[in-house]
Amino acid sequence: MEAKRVLAITLIAISALTATAAEAKPPRSAAAILAFKRANPCPSTGLRRGKCPRHVVDHIEPLCAGGLDRPDNMQWQTVAASRIKDQAERRHCRTLKK
């Protein structure tokens, strides 16, 4: 009986953590990213599919601030620039949640 109670509490805790993680980072559409890559070749390789060394696909207007998960709201960004922009976006989005 105690094992069932512990299992139930564990499952509740896991679902709460999963919900929190999902709220923290909105899901990204793989189809939208593929459409962006088809229209905008990688700056490093010139290819329209596969990995793009030293670059990431970035949302111009962040999803957490109401940006749309569509190719017209995406851009290639260097990894270094992405880290800087992501920090600023996290601060901005935290203020929007308050």
Protein backbone atom coordinates (compact mmCIF):
# COMPACT_ATOMS: atom_id res chain seq x y z
CA MET A 1 0.00 0.00 0.00
CA GLU A 2 2.84 2.41 0.86
CA ALA A 3 4.59 1.67 -2.44
CA LYS A 4 1.45 2.68 -4.38
CA ARG A 5 1.26 5.95 -2.42
CA VAL A 6 4.92 6.74 -3.13
CA LEU A 7 4.42 5.93 -6.82
CA ALA A 8 1.36 8.18 -7.01
CA ILE A 9 3.21 11.08 -5.36
CA THR A 10 6.19 10.56 -7.69
CA LEU A 11 3.95 10.60 -10.77
CA ILE A 12 2.26 13.80 -9.60
CA ALA A 13 5.66 15.45 -9.05
CA ILE A 14 6.91 14.37 -12.49
CA SER A 15 3.80 15.72 -14.21
CA ALA A 16 4.18 19.03 -12.38
CA LEU A 17 7.82 19.31 -13.48
CA THR A 18 6.89 18.44 -17.04
CA ALA A 19 4.18 21.11 -17.08
CA THR A 20 6.63 23.69 -15.70
CA ALA A 21 9.25 22.83 -18.33
CA ALA A 22 6.66 23.04 -21.10
CA GLU A 23 5.51 26.46 -19.90
CA ALA A 24 9.07 27.73 -19.69
CA LYS A 25 9.92 26.97 -23.29
CA PRO A 26 7.20 26.93 -25.93
CA PRO A 27 7.46 24.05 -28.40
CA ARG A 28 9.07 24.66 -31.76
CA SER A 29 7.62 23.40 -35.02
CA ALA A 30 9.99 21.07 -36.86
CA ALA A 31 8.01 21.69 -40.05
CA ALA A 32 8.48 25.46 -39.76
CA ILE A 33 12.23 25.05 -39.22
CA LEU A 34 12.50 22.77 -42.28
CA ALA A 35 10.55 25.29 -44.37
CA PHE A 36 12.90 28.06 -43.18
CA LYS A 37 15.97 25.99 -44.08
CA ARG A 38 14.59 25.21 -47.54
CA ALA A 39 14.12 28.92 -48.22
CA ASN A 40 17.32 30.10 -46.48
CA PRO A 41 20.46 28.01 -47.03
CA CYS A 42 22.97 27.66 -44.21
CA PRO A 43 25.45 30.58 -44.18
CA SER A 44 28.33 28.16 -43.42
CA THR A 45 27.68 25.44 -45.97
CA GLY A 46 25.15 26.82 -48.43
CA LEU A 47 23.04 23.69 -47.93
CA ARG A 48 19.29 23.69 -47.43
CA ARG A 49 19.20 20.67 -45.12
CA GLY A 50 21.23 19.10 -42.36
CA LYS A 51 23.41 20.75 -39.76
CA CYS A 52 24.67 24.29 -40.08
CA PRO A 53 28.02 24.61 -38.27
CA ARG A 54 28.33 27.60 -35.91
CA HIS A 55 24.76 28.74 -36.65
CA VAL A 56 21.30 28.19 -35.19
CA VAL A 57 17.80 28.98 -36.37
CA ASP A 58 16.55 31.85 -34.22
CA HIS A 59 13.11 33.36 -33.80
CA ILE A 60 13.33 37.09 -34.52
CA GLU A 61 10.45 37.81 -32.13
CA PRO A 62 10.72 35.25 -29.33
CA LEU A 63 7.92 32.74 -28.89
CA CYS A 64 7.59 33.68 -25.22
CA ALA A 65 6.88 37.27 -26.25
CA GLY A 66 4.18 36.32 -28.74
CA GLY A 67 6.36 35.67 -31.77
CA LEU A 68 5.00 33.18 -34.24
CA ASP A 69 6.64 29.85 -34.95
CA ARG A 70 6.76 30.48 -38.69
CA PRO A 71 9.61 30.73 -41.21
CA ASP A 72 9.03 34.48 -41.68
CA ASN A 73 9.88 34.96 -37.97
CA MET A 74 13.15 33.00 -38.23
CA GLN A 75 16.72 33.92 -39.08
CA TRP A 76 20.14 32.32 -39.08
CA GLN A 77 22.21 33.46 -36.14
CA THR A 78 25.71 32.60 -34.98
CA VAL A 79 25.89 30.54 -31.81
CA ALA A 80 27.72 33.37 -30.02
CA ALA A 81 25.13 35.99 -30.99
CA SER A 82 22.36 33.57 -30.08
CA ARG A 83 23.65 33.18 -26.52
CA ILE A 84 23.67 36.94 -26.01
CA LYS A 85 20.21 37.42 -27.54
CA ASP A 86 18.77 34.47 -25.57
CA GLN A 87 19.86 36.04 -22.27
CA ALA A 88 18.14 39.31 -23.14
CA GLU A 89 15.02 37.47 -24.31
CA ARG A 90 14.81 35.45 -21.08
CA ARG A 91 14.93 38.66 -19.04
CA HIS A 92 12.31 40.28 -21.29
CA CYS A 93 9.98 37.28 -21.16
CA ARG A 94 10.25 37.05 -17.36
CA THR A 95 9.02 40.65 -17.13
CA LEU A 96 6.10 39.82 -19.44
CA LYS A 97 5.02 36.97 -17.15
CA LYS A 98 4.81 39.23 -14.09
